[in-house]
Amino acid sequence: MPKQGAGTGGDLGNEVEGYLLWQARVAEAERRAREFTGSLEWLTTAQREEIERRYAADSLRRARADLERVAARCMSLRAEYEQRYGELRRRCLAMTLAVCAGLTTVATLLLVL
């Protein structure tokens, strides 16, 4: 989802940052998988590789689900804050107009007297 006010450079920067963060997550999942299988000395090489692959895939699947939940929550919070900001703007505008109308009325009454 493109951000408001962000140019193409900002979008590219966000994509690069996201890619680098995901690659760091992949590297971490692979490292943790190797640590997990490291203590299982009785595994064959093929078994070790398969367990590492599945462990890393499961870890990345969970990380993706977490990121999707966070992104959905961020979007809902953004919508909520935009709604509240709109209400606040309308209230401030109404208050300003009311004060201006009151001052205009007072000034008109003072000029008439």
PDB file of N, CA and C in Angstrom:
ATOM      1  N   MET A   1       0.845  -1.176   0.000  1.00  0.00           N
ATOM      2  CA  MET A   1       0.000   0.000   0.000  1.00  0.00           C
ATOM      3  C   MET A   1       0.887   1.234   0.000  1.00  0.00           C
ATOM      4  N   PRO A   2       0.790   2.086  -1.032  1.00  0.00           N
ATOM      5  CA  PRO A   2       1.656   3.258  -1.091  1.00  0.00           C
ATOM      6  C   PRO A   2       1.329   4.261   0.007  1.00  0.00           C
ATOM      7  N   LYS A   3       2.347   4.877   0.526  1.00  0.00           N
ATOM      8  CA  LYS A   3       2.161   5.865   1.579  1.00  0.00           C
ATOM      9  C   LYS A   3       1.843   7.205   0.948  1.00  0.00           C
ATOM     10  N   GLN A   4       1.019   7.982   1.621  1.00  0.00           N
ATOM     11  CA  GLN A   4       0.709   9.316   1.148  1.00  0.00           C
ATOM     12  C   GLN A   4       1.919  10.196   1.366  1.00  0.00           C
ATOM     13  N   GLY A   5       2.218  11.016   0.363  1.00  0.00           N
ATOM     14  CA  GLY A   5       3.320  11.954   0.491  1.00  0.00           C
ATOM     15  C   GLY A   5       4.678  11.340   0.233  1.00  0.00           C
ATOM     16  N   ALA A   6       4.757  10.063  -0.015  1.00  0.00           N
ATOM     17  CA  ALA A   6       6.045   9.436  -0.284  1.00  0.00           C
ATOM     18  C   ALA A   6       6.263   9.392  -1.782  1.00  0.00           C
ATOM     19  N   GLY A   7       7.423   9.815  -2.198  1.00  0.00           N
ATOM     20  CA  GLY A   7       7.738   9.773  -3.616  1.00  0.00           C
ATOM     21  C   GLY A   7       8.226   8.398  -4.009  1.00  0.00           C
ATOM     22  N   THR A   8       8.620   8.270  -5.272  1.00  0.00           N
ATOM     23  CA  THR A   8       9.087   6.966  -5.728  1.00  0.00           C
ATOM     24  C   THR A   8      10.360   6.553  -5.005  1.00  0.00           C
ATOM     25  N   GLY A   9      11.184   7.532  -4.622  1.00  0.00           N
ATOM     26  CA  GLY A   9      12.396   7.209  -3.879  1.00  0.00           C
ATOM     27  C   GLY A   9      12.075   6.620  -2.515  1.00  0.00           C
ATOM     28  N   GLY A  10      11.043   7.138  -1.865  1.00  0.00           N
ATOM     29  CA  GLY A  10      10.628   6.616  -0.561  1.00  0.00           C
ATOM     30  C   GLY A  10      10.078   5.218  -0.688  1.00  0.00           C
ATOM     31  N   ASP A  11       9.319   4.967  -1.753  1.00  0.00           N
ATOM     32  CA  ASP A  11       8.769   3.627  -1.975  1.00  0.00           C
ATOM     33  C   ASP A  11       9.889   2.627  -2.220  1.00  0.00           C
ATOM     34  N   LEU A  12      10.865   3.018  -3.027  1.00  0.00           N
ATOM     35  CA  LEU A  12      11.988   2.129  -3.308  1.00  0.00           C
ATOM     36  C   LEU A  12      12.782   1.870  -2.032  1.00  0.00           C
ATOM     37  N   GLY A  13      12.988   2.922  -1.250  1.00  0.00           N
ATOM     38  CA  GLY A  13      13.703   2.763   0.020  1.00  0.00           C
ATOM     39  C   GLY A  13      12.980   1.817   0.952  1.00  0.00           C
ATOM     40  N   ASN A  14      11.643   1.927   1.005  1.00  0.00           N
ATOM     41  CA  ASN A  14      10.852   1.026   1.843  1.00  0.00           C
ATOM     42  C   ASN A  14      10.958  -0.410   1.360  1.00  0.00           C
ATOM     43  N   GLU A  15      10.936  -0.596   0.041  1.00  0.00           N
ATOM     44  CA  GLU A  15      11.045  -1.952  -0.500  1.00  0.00           C
ATOM     45  C   GLU A  15      12.412  -2.561  -0.215  1.00  0.00           C
ATOM     46  N   VAL A  16      13.456  -1.756  -0.367  1.00  0.00           N
ATOM     47  CA  VAL A  16      14.814  -2.255  -0.085  1.00  0.00           C
ATOM     48  C   VAL A  16      14.948  -2.591   1.394  1.00  0.00           C
ATOM     49  N   GLU A  17      14.439  -1.711   2.249  1.00  0.00           N
ATOM     50  CA  GLU A  17      14.499  -1.963   3.686  1.00  0.00           C
ATOM     51  C   GLU A  17      13.737  -3.238   4.039  1.00  0.00           C
ATOM     52  N   GLY A  18      12.540  -3.396   3.473  1.00  0.00           N
ATOM     53  CA  GLY A  18      11.757  -4.602   3.719  1.00  0.00           C
ATOM     54  C   GLY A  18      12.474  -5.850   3.256  1.00  0.00           C
ATOM     55  N   TYR A  19      13.098  -5.770   2.074  1.00  0.00           N
ATOM     56  CA  TYR A  19      13.843  -6.917   1.539  1.00  0.00           C
ATOM     57  C   TYR A  19      15.004  -7.272   2.472  1.00  0.00           C
ATOM     58  N   LEU A  20      15.756  -6.267   2.891  1.00  0.00           N
ATOM     59  CA  LEU A  20      16.903  -6.532   3.768  1.00  0.00           C
ATOM     60  C   LEU A  20      16.462  -7.091   5.119  1.00  0.00           C
ATOM     61  N   LEU A  21      15.371  -6.567   5.652  1.00  0.00           N
ATOM     62  CA  LEU A  21      14.868  -7.099   6.922  1.00  0.00           C
ATOM     63  C   LEU A  21      14.426  -8.549   6.767  1.00  0.00           C
ATOM     64  N   TRP A  22      13.766  -8.859   5.648  1.00  0.00           N
ATOM     65  CA  TRP A  22      13.316 -10.243   5.430  1.00  0.00           C
ATOM     66  C   TRP A  22      14.513 -11.175   5.247  1.00  0.00           C
ATOM     67  N   GLN A  23      15.542 -10.722   4.535  1.00  0.00           N
ATOM     68  CA  GLN A  23      16.734 -11.551   4.351  1.00  0.00           C
ATOM     69  C   GLN A  23      17.422 -11.800   5.692  1.00  0.00           C
ATOM     70  N   ALA A  24      17.410 -10.806   6.567  1.00  0.00           N
ATOM     71  CA  ALA A  24      17.966 -10.999   7.910  1.00  0.00           C
ATOM     72  C   ALA A  24      17.136 -12.035   8.663  1.00  0.00           C
ATOM     73  N   ARG A  25      15.812 -11.993   8.478  1.00  0.00           N
ATOM     74  CA  ARG A  25      14.931 -12.974   9.129  1.00  0.00           C
ATOM     75  C   ARG A  25      15.212 -14.367   8.593  1.00  0.00           C
ATOM     76  N   VAL A  26      15.432 -14.480   7.292  1.00  0.00           N
ATOM     77  CA  VAL A  26      15.749 -15.781   6.684  1.00  0.00           C
ATOM     78  C   VAL A  26      17.058 -16.311   7.253  1.00  0.00           C
ATOM     79  N   ALA A  27      18.075 -15.457   7.310  1.00  0.00           N
ATOM     80  CA  ALA A  27      19.374 -15.879   7.847  1.00  0.00           C
ATOM     81  C   ALA A  27      19.243 -16.316   9.306  1.00  0.00           C
ATOM     82  N   GLU A  28      18.446 -15.586  10.076  1.00  0.00           N
ATOM     83  CA  GLU A  28      18.244 -15.957  11.479  1.00  0.00           C
ATOM     84  C   GLU A  28      17.533 -17.303  11.595  1.00  0.00           C
ATOM     85  N   ALA A  29      16.518 -17.531  10.762  1.00  0.00           N
ATOM     86  CA  ALA A  29      15.789 -18.806  10.792  1.00  0.00           C
ATOM     87  C   ALA A  29      16.721 -19.959  10.436  1.00  0.00           C
ATOM     88  N   GLU A  30      17.558 -19.755   9.445  1.00  0.00           N
ATOM     89  CA  GLU A  30      18.504 -20.812   9.050  1.00  0.00           C
ATOM     90  C   GLU A  30      19.524 -21.070  10.145  1.00  0.00           C
ATOM     91  N   ARG A  31      20.003 -20.005  10.782  1.00  0.00           N
ATOM     92  CA  ARG A  31      20.964 -20.166  11.877  1.00  0.00           C
ATOM     93  C   ARG A  31      20.332 -20.924  13.031  1.00  0.00           C
ATOM     94  N   ARG A  32      19.098 -20.566  13.395  1.00  0.00           N
ATOM     95  CA  ARG A  32      18.417 -21.255  14.488  1.00  0.00           C
ATOM     96  C   ARG A  32      18.139 -22.716  14.142  1.00  0.00           C
ATOM     97  N   ALA A  33      17.858 -22.982  12.875  1.00  0.00           N
ATOM     98  CA  ALA A  33      17.635 -24.367  12.449  1.00  0.00           C
ATOM     99  C   ALA A  33      18.915 -25.178  12.598  1.00  0.00           C
ATOM    100  N   ARG A  34      20.049 -24.587  12.224  1.00  0.00           N
ATOM    101  CA  ARG A  34      21.335 -25.291  12.375  1.00  0.00           C
ATOM    102  C   ARG A  34      21.646 -25.537  13.853  1.00  0.00           C
ATOM    103  N   GLU A  35      21.350 -24.554  14.699  1.00  0.00           N
ATOM    104  CA  GLU A  35      21.564 -24.730  16.134  1.00  0.00           C
ATOM    105  C   GLU A  35      20.675 -25.845  16.681  1.00  0.00           C
ATOM    106  N   PHE A  36      19.439 -25.910  16.198  1.00  0.00           N
ATOM    107  CA  PHE A  36      18.511 -26.935  16.651  1.00  0.00           C
ATOM    108  C   PHE A  36      19.010 -28.333  16.284  1.00  0.00           C
ATOM    109  N   THR A  37      19.454 -28.493  15.059  1.00  0.00           N
ATOM    110  CA  THR A  37      19.899 -29.821  14.624  1.00  0.00           C
ATOM    111  C   THR A  37      21.318 -30.137  15.090  1.00  0.00           C
ATOM    112  N   GLY A  38      22.034 -29.123  15.551  1.00  0.00           N
ATOM    113  CA  GLY A  38      23.414 -29.346  15.997  1.00  0.00           C
ATOM    114  C   GLY A  38      23.511 -30.325  17.155  1.00  0.00           C
ATOM    115  N   SER A  39      22.544 -30.306  18.016  1.00  0.00           N
ATOM    116  CA  SER A  39      22.580 -31.189  19.178  1.00  0.00           C
ATOM    117  C   SER A  39      22.075 -32.602  18.856  1.00  0.00           C
ATOM    118  N   LEU A  40      21.507 -32.780  17.686  1.00  0.00           N
ATOM    119  CA  LEU A  40      20.988 -34.097  17.289  1.00  0.00           C
ATOM    120  C   LEU A  40      22.049 -34.819  16.452  1.00  0.00           C
ATOM    121  N   GLU A  41      23.059 -35.328  17.138  1.00  0.00           N
ATOM    122  CA  GLU A  41      24.212 -35.916  16.457  1.00  0.00           C
ATOM    123  C   GLU A  41      23.879 -37.201  15.712  1.00  0.00           C
ATOM    124  N   TRP A  42      22.804 -37.861  16.047  1.00  0.00           N
ATOM    125  CA  TRP A  42      22.444 -39.141  15.457  1.00  0.00           C
ATOM    126  C   TRP A  42      21.784 -38.998  14.084  1.00  0.00           C
ATOM    127  N   LEU A  43      21.490 -37.755  13.639  1.00  0.00           N
ATOM    128  CA  LEU A  43      20.844 -37.553  12.337  1.00  0.00           C
ATOM    129  C   LEU A  43      21.836 -37.762  11.203  1.00  0.00           C
ATOM    130  N   THR A  44      21.326 -38.313  10.115  1.00  0.00           N
ATOM    131  CA  THR A  44      22.151 -38.381   8.910  1.00  0.00           C
ATOM    132  C   THR A  44      22.178 -36.989   8.284  1.00  0.00           C
ATOM    133  N   THR A  45      23.057 -36.804   7.317  1.00  0.00           N
ATOM    134  CA  THR A  45      23.153 -35.499   6.652  1.00  0.00           C
ATOM    135  C   THR A  45      21.842 -35.126   5.979  1.00  0.00           C
ATOM    136  N   ALA A  46      21.236 -36.074   5.287  1.00  0.00           N
ATOM    137  CA  ALA A  46      19.973 -35.806   4.598  1.00  0.00           C
ATOM    138  C   ALA A  46      18.864 -35.466   5.603  1.00  0.00           C
ATOM    139  N   GLN A  47      18.816 -36.186   6.716  1.00  0.00           N
ATOM    140  CA  GLN A  47      17.807 -35.904   7.734  1.00  0.00           C
ATOM    141  C   GLN A  47      18.030 -34.521   8.348  1.00  0.00           C
ATOM    142  N   ARG A  48      19.297 -34.231   8.610  1.00  0.00           N
ATOM    143  CA  ARG A  48      19.637 -32.931   9.195  1.00  0.00           C
ATOM    144  C   ARG A  48      19.208 -31.801   8.247  1.00  0.00           C
ATOM    145  N   GLU A  49      19.505 -31.940   6.971  1.00  0.00           N
ATOM    146  CA  GLU A  49      19.140 -30.910   5.989  1.00  0.00           C
ATOM    147  C   GLU A  49      17.620 -30.753   5.882  1.00  0.00           C
ATOM    148  N   GLU A  50      16.913 -31.881   5.910  1.00  0.00           N
ATOM    149  CA  GLU A  50      15.451 -31.838   5.818  1.00  0.00           C
ATOM    150  C   GLU A  50      14.845 -31.154   7.048  1.00  0.00           C
ATOM    151  N   ILE A  51      15.345 -31.481   8.220  1.00  0.00           N
ATOM    152  CA  ILE A  51      14.836 -30.867   9.449  1.00  0.00           C
ATOM    153  C   ILE A  51      15.159 -29.375   9.462  1.00  0.00           C
ATOM    154  N   GLU A  52      16.370 -29.027   9.049  1.00  0.00           N
ATOM    155  CA  GLU A  52      16.737 -27.614   8.986  1.00  0.00           C
ATOM    156  C   GLU A  52      15.831 -26.862   8.011  1.00  0.00           C
ATOM    157  N   ARG A  53      15.566 -27.454   6.866  1.00  0.00           N
ATOM    158  CA  ARG A  53      14.716 -26.822   5.860  1.00  0.00           C
ATOM    159  C   ARG A  53      13.302 -26.609   6.413  1.00  0.00           C
ATOM    160  N   ARG A  54      12.750 -27.660   7.038  1.00  0.00           N
ATOM    161  CA  ARG A  54      11.394 -27.550   7.581  1.00  0.00           C
ATOM    162  C   ARG A  54      11.327 -26.575   8.759  1.00  0.00           C
ATOM    163  N   TYR A  55      12.329 -26.607   9.605  1.00  0.00           N
ATOM    164  CA  TYR A  55      12.379 -25.703  10.758  1.00  0.00           C
ATOM    165  C   TYR A  55      12.413 -24.254  10.281  1.00  0.00           C
ATOM    166  N   ALA A  56      13.296 -23.975   9.316  1.00  0.00           N
ATOM    167  CA  ALA A  56      13.407 -22.617   8.783  1.00  0.00           C
ATOM    168  C   ALA A  56      12.112 -22.207   8.090  1.00  0.00           C
ATOM    169  N   ALA A  57      11.513 -23.097   7.311  1.00  0.00           N
ATOM    170  CA  ALA A  57      10.256 -22.780   6.617  1.00  0.00           C
ATOM    171  C   ALA A  57       9.146 -22.482   7.617  1.00  0.00           C
ATOM    172  N   ASP A  58       9.072 -23.281   8.670  1.00  0.00           N
ATOM    173  CA  ASP A  58       8.045 -23.043   9.689  1.00  0.00           C
ATOM    174  C   ASP A  58       8.288 -21.713  10.391  1.00  0.00           C
ATOM    175  N   SER A  59       9.522 -21.426  10.708  1.00  0.00           N
ATOM    176  CA  SER A  59       9.865 -20.173  11.367  1.00  0.00           C
ATOM    177  C   SER A  59       9.498 -18.982  10.476  1.00  0.00           C
ATOM    178  N   LEU A  60       9.779 -19.083   9.190  1.00  0.00           N
ATOM    179  CA  LEU A  60       9.460 -17.994   8.266  1.00  0.00           C
ATOM    180  C   LEU A  60       7.959 -17.860   8.058  1.00  0.00           C
ATOM    181  N   ARG A  61       7.249 -18.967   8.058  1.00  0.00           N
ATOM    182  CA  ARG A  61       5.792 -18.928   7.920  1.00  0.00           C
ATOM    183  C   ARG A  61       5.180 -18.197   9.126  1.00  0.00           C
ATOM    184  N   ARG A  62       5.694 -18.509  10.310  1.00  0.00           N
ATOM    185  CA  ARG A  62       5.205 -17.835  11.514  1.00  0.00           C
ATOM    186  C   ARG A  62       5.566 -16.358  11.507  1.00  0.00           C
ATOM    187  N   ALA A  63       6.776 -16.032  11.062  1.00  0.00           N
ATOM    188  CA  ALA A  63       7.202 -14.629  10.994  1.00  0.00           C
ATOM    189  C   ALA A  63       6.320 -13.854  10.020  1.00  0.00           C
ATOM    190  N   ARG A  64       5.999 -14.470   8.891  1.00  0.00           N
ATOM    191  CA  ARG A  64       5.141 -13.808   7.906  1.00  0.00           C
ATOM    192  C   ARG A  64       3.743 -13.554   8.493  1.00  0.00           C
ATOM    193  N   ALA A  65       3.210 -14.542   9.185  1.00  0.00           N
ATOM    194  CA  ALA A  65       1.897 -14.384   9.815  1.00  0.00           C
ATOM    195  C   ALA A  65       1.932 -13.253  10.846  1.00  0.00           C
ATOM    196  N   ASP A  66       3.011 -13.183  11.622  1.00  0.00           N
ATOM    197  CA  ASP A  66       3.152 -12.103  12.605  1.00  0.00           C
ATOM    198  C   ASP A  66       3.201 -10.745  11.913  1.00  0.00           C
ATOM    199  N   LEU A  67       3.978 -10.657  10.841  1.00  0.00           N
ATOM    200  CA  LEU A  67       4.093  -9.397  10.108  1.00  0.00           C
ATOM    201  C   LEU A  67       2.755  -8.990   9.486  1.00  0.00           C
ATOM    202  N   GLU A  68       2.010  -9.962   8.989  1.00  0.00           N
ATOM    203  CA  GLU A  68       0.709  -9.649   8.404  1.00  0.00           C
ATOM    204  C   GLU A  68      -0.260  -9.143   9.475  1.00  0.00           C
ATOM    205  N   ARG A  69      -0.206  -9.734  10.663  1.00  0.00           N
ATOM    206  CA  ARG A  69      -1.059  -9.253  11.763  1.00  0.00           C
ATOM    207  C   ARG A  69      -0.678  -7.835  12.166  1.00  0.00           C
ATOM    208  N   VAL A  70       0.618  -7.570  12.247  1.00  0.00           N
ATOM    209  CA  VAL A  70       1.078  -6.234  12.614  1.00  0.00           C
ATOM    210  C   VAL A  70       0.670  -5.227  11.536  1.00  0.00           C
ATOM    211  N   ALA A  71       0.834  -5.590  10.270  1.00  0.00           N
ATOM    212  CA  ALA A  71       0.458  -4.683   9.182  1.00  0.00           C
ATOM    213  C   ALA A  71      -1.044  -4.398   9.201  1.00  0.00           C
ATOM    214  N   ALA A  72      -1.846  -5.418   9.439  1.00  0.00           N
ATOM    215  CA  ALA A  72      -3.298  -5.217   9.502  1.00  0.00           C
ATOM    216  C   ALA A  72      -3.653  -4.301  10.662  1.00  0.00           C
ATOM    217  N   ARG A  73      -3.014  -4.483  11.792  1.00  0.00           N
ATOM    218  CA  ARG A  73      -3.277  -3.633  12.955  1.00  0.00           C
ATOM    219  C   ARG A  73      -2.853  -2.194  12.675  1.00  0.00           C
ATOM    220  N   CYS A  74      -1.715  -2.021  12.011  1.00  0.00           N
ATOM    221  CA  CYS A  74      -1.254  -0.675  11.659  1.00  0.00           C
ATOM    222  C   CYS A  74      -2.253   0.016  10.742  1.00  0.00           C
ATOM    223  N   MET A  75      -2.772  -0.714   9.789  1.00  0.00           N
ATOM    224  CA  MET A  75      -3.745  -0.126   8.859  1.00  0.00           C
ATOM    225  C   MET A  75      -5.026   0.245   9.591  1.00  0.00           C
ATOM    226  N   SER A  76      -5.482  -0.599  10.514  1.00  0.00           N
ATOM    227  CA  SER A  76      -6.704  -0.277  11.248  1.00  0.00           C
ATOM    228  C   SER A  76      -6.482   0.926  12.174  1.00  0.00           C
ATOM    229  N   LEU A  77      -5.298   1.003  12.794  1.00  0.00           N
ATOM    230  CA  LEU A  77      -4.993   2.160  13.637  1.00  0.00           C
ATOM    231  C   LEU A  77      -4.916   3.436  12.805  1.00  0.00           C
ATOM    232  N   ARG A  78      -4.318   3.319  11.630  1.00  0.00           N
ATOM    233  CA  ARG A  78      -4.221   4.495  10.752  1.00  0.00           C
ATOM    234  C   ARG A  78      -5.612   4.986  10.380  1.00  0.00           C
ATOM    235  N   ALA A  79      -6.498   4.082  10.009  1.00  0.00           N
ATOM    236  CA  ALA A  79      -7.863   4.474   9.655  1.00  0.00           C
ATOM    237  C   ALA A  79      -8.561   5.116  10.850  1.00  0.00           C
ATOM    238  N   GLU A  80      -8.365   4.547  12.025  1.00  0.00           N
ATOM    239  CA  GLU A  80      -8.986   5.096  13.232  1.00  0.00           C
ATOM    240  C   GLU A  80      -8.460   6.495  13.527  1.00  0.00           C
ATOM    241  N   TYR A  81      -7.138   6.676  13.436  1.00  0.00           N
ATOM    242  CA  TYR A  81      -6.558   7.993  13.702  1.00  0.00           C
ATOM    243  C   TYR A  81      -6.972   9.008  12.649  1.00  0.00           C
ATOM    244  N   GLU A  82      -7.073   8.595  11.388  1.00  0.00           N
ATOM    245  CA  GLU A  82      -7.525   9.516  10.341  1.00  0.00           C
ATOM    246  C   GLU A  82      -8.962   9.950  10.601  1.00  0.00           C
ATOM    247  N   GLN A  83      -9.790   9.030  11.058  1.00  0.00           N
ATOM    248  CA  GLN A  83     -11.178   9.373  11.376  1.00  0.00           C
ATOM    249  C   GLN A  83     -11.226  10.369  12.545  1.00  0.00           C
ATOM    250  N   ARG A  84     -10.456  10.096  13.580  1.00  0.00           N
ATOM    251  CA  ARG A  84     -10.440  11.003  14.734  1.00  0.00           C
ATOM    252  C   ARG A  84      -9.875  12.368  14.358  1.00  0.00           C
ATOM    253  N   TYR A  85      -8.854  12.380  13.522  1.00  0.00           N
ATOM    254  CA  TYR A  85      -8.260  13.643  13.080  1.00  0.00           C
ATOM    255  C   TYR A  85      -9.282  14.441  12.281  1.00  0.00           C
ATOM    256  N   GLY A  86     -10.042  13.789  11.425  1.00  0.00           N
ATOM    257  CA  GLY A  86     -11.081  14.465  10.653  1.00  0.00           C
ATOM    258  C   GLY A  86     -12.141  15.069  11.562  1.00  0.00           C
ATOM    259  N   GLU A  87     -12.557  14.306  12.574  1.00  0.00           N
ATOM    260  CA  GLU A  87     -13.533  14.829  13.537  1.00  0.00           C
ATOM    261  C   GLU A  87     -12.976  16.034  14.289  1.00  0.00           C
ATOM    262  N   LEU A  88     -11.724  15.943  14.700  1.00  0.00           N
ATOM    263  CA  LEU A  88     -11.097  17.045  15.417  1.00  0.00           C
ATOM    264  C   LEU A  88     -11.001  18.285  14.536  1.00  0.00           C
ATOM    265  N   ARG A  89     -10.643  18.105  13.286  1.00  0.00           N
ATOM    266  CA  ARG A  89     -10.575  19.240  12.356  1.00  0.00           C
ATOM    267  C   ARG A  89     -11.943  19.896  12.202  1.00  0.00           C
ATOM    268  N   ARG A  90     -12.979  19.062  12.044  1.00  0.00           N
ATOM    269  CA  ARG A  90     -14.323  19.615  11.893  1.00  0.00           C
ATOM    270  C   ARG A  90     -14.738  20.382  13.145  1.00  0.00           C
ATOM    271  N   ARG A  91     -14.428  19.826  14.322  1.00  0.00           N
ATOM    272  CA  ARG A  91     -14.778  20.505  15.570  1.00  0.00           C
ATOM    273  C   ARG A  91     -14.032  21.831  15.709  1.00  0.00           C
ATOM    274  N   CYS A  92     -12.750  21.818  15.368  1.00  0.00           N
ATOM    275  CA  CYS A  92     -11.956  23.045  15.460  1.00  0.00           C
ATOM    276  C   CYS A  92     -12.478  24.096  14.484  1.00  0.00           C
ATOM    277  N   LEU A  93     -12.823  23.675  13.279  1.00  0.00           N
ATOM    278  CA  LEU A  93     -13.370  24.599  12.293  1.00  0.00           C
ATOM    279  C   LEU A  93     -14.699  25.172  12.779  1.00  0.00           C
ATOM    280  N   ALA A  94     -15.560  24.307  13.314  1.00  0.00           N
ATOM    281  CA  ALA A  94     -16.850  24.775  13.824  1.00  0.00           C
ATOM    282  C   ALA A  94     -16.649  25.751  14.974  1.00  0.00           C
ATOM    283  N   MET A  95     -15.730  25.457  15.871  1.00  0.00           N
ATOM    284  CA  MET A  95     -15.461  26.341  17.003  1.00  0.00           C
ATOM    285  C   MET A  95     -14.910  27.678  16.506  1.00  0.00           C
ATOM    286  N   THR A  96     -14.003  27.652  15.568  1.00  0.00           N
ATOM    287  CA  THR A  96     -13.435  28.878  15.006  1.00  0.00           C
ATOM    288  C   THR A  96     -14.516  29.727  14.346  1.00  0.00           C
ATOM    289  N   LEU A  97     -15.366  29.079  13.555  1.00  0.00           N
ATOM    290  CA  LEU A  97     -16.450  29.812  12.903  1.00  0.00           C
ATOM    291  C   LEU A  97     -17.416  30.398  13.928  1.00  0.00           C
ATOM    292  N   ALA A  98     -17.713  29.652  14.986  1.00  0.00           N
ATOM    293  CA  ALA A  98     -18.605  30.144  16.030  1.00  0.00           C
ATOM    294  C   ALA A  98     -18.000  31.352  16.739  1.00  0.00           C
ATOM    295  N   VAL A  99     -16.723  31.279  17.051  1.00  0.00           N
ATOM    296  CA  VAL A  99     -16.049  32.401  17.712  1.00  0.00           C
ATOM    297  C   VAL A  99     -16.028  33.611  16.781  1.00  0.00           C
ATOM    298  N   CYS A 100     -15.713  33.399  15.513  1.00  0.00           N
ATOM    299  CA  CYS A 100     -15.697  34.509  14.546  1.00  0.00           C
ATOM    300  C   CYS A 100     -17.087  35.129  14.413  1.00  0.00           C
ATOM    301  N   ALA A 101     -18.116  34.289  14.347  1.00  0.00           N
ATOM    302  CA  ALA A 101     -19.483  34.803  14.254  1.00  0.00           C
ATOM    303  C   ALA A 101     -19.845  35.591  15.510  1.00  0.00           C
ATOM    304  N   GLY A 102     -19.463  35.091  16.667  1.00  0.00           N
ATOM    305  CA  GLY A 102     -19.734  35.797  17.919  1.00  0.00           C
ATOM    306  C   GLY A 102     -19.018  37.129  17.970  1.00  0.00           C
ATOM    307  N   LEU A 103     -17.748  37.157  17.585  1.00  0.00           N
ATOM    308  CA  LEU A 103     -16.985  38.408  17.591  1.00  0.00           C
ATOM    309  C   LEU A 103     -17.558  39.397  16.592  1.00  0.00           C
ATOM    310  N   THR A 104     -17.978  38.906  15.435  1.00  0.00           N
ATOM    311  CA  THR A 104     -18.591  39.772  14.425  1.00  0.00           C
ATOM    312  C   THR A 104     -19.891  40.370  14.964  1.00  0.00           C
ATOM    313  N   THR A 105     -20.673  39.547  15.638  1.00  0.00           N
ATOM    314  CA  THR A 105     -21.926  40.028  16.223  1.00  0.00           C
ATOM    315  C   THR A 105     -21.651  41.086  17.281  1.00  0.00           C
ATOM    316  N   VAL A 106     -20.690  40.856  18.157  1.00  0.00           N
ATOM    317  CA  VAL A 106     -20.339  41.809  19.210  1.00  0.00           C
ATOM    318  C   VAL A 106     -19.834  43.110  18.587  1.00  0.00           C
ATOM    319  N   ALA A 107     -18.962  42.979  17.563  1.00  0.00           N
ATOM    320  CA  ALA A 107     -18.427  44.170  16.913  1.00  0.00           C
ATOM    321  C   ALA A 107     -19.539  44.960  16.232  1.00  0.00           C
ATOM    322  N   THR A 108     -20.466  44.283  15.601  1.00  0.00           N
ATOM    323  CA  THR A 108     -21.586  44.954  14.942  1.00  0.00           C
ATOM    324  C   THR A 108     -22.457  45.662  15.975  1.00  0.00           C
ATOM    325  N   LEU A 109     -22.738  45.017  17.087  1.00  0.00           N
ATOM    326  CA  LEU A 109     -23.544  45.634  18.144  1.00  0.00           C
ATOM    327  C   LEU A 109     -22.850  46.856  18.733  1.00  0.00           C
ATOM    328  N   LEU A 110     -21.536  46.757  18.893  1.00  0.00           N
ATOM    329  CA  LEU A 110     -20.777  47.905  19.432  1.00  0.00           C
ATOM    330  C   LEU A 110     -20.774  49.073  18.455  1.00  0.00           C
ATOM    331  N   LEU A 111     -20.737  48.781  17.163  1.00  0.00           N
ATOM    332  CA  LEU A 111     -20.760  49.847  16.166  1.00  0.00           C
ATOM    333  C   LEU A 111     -22.138  50.499  16.079  1.00  0.00           C
ATOM    334  N   VAL A 112     -23.168  49.717  16.281  1.00  0.00           N
ATOM    335  CA  VAL A 112     -24.546  50.230  16.224  1.00  0.00           C
ATOM    336  C   VAL A 112     -24.810  51.146  17.418  1.00  0.00           C
ATOM    337  N   LEU A 113     -24.281  50.811  18.570  1.00  0.00           N
ATOM    338  CA  LEU A 113     -24.524  51.611  19.767  1.00  0.00           C
ATOM    339  C   LEU A 113     -23.691  52.835  19.689  1.00  0.00           C
TER     340      LEU A 113
END
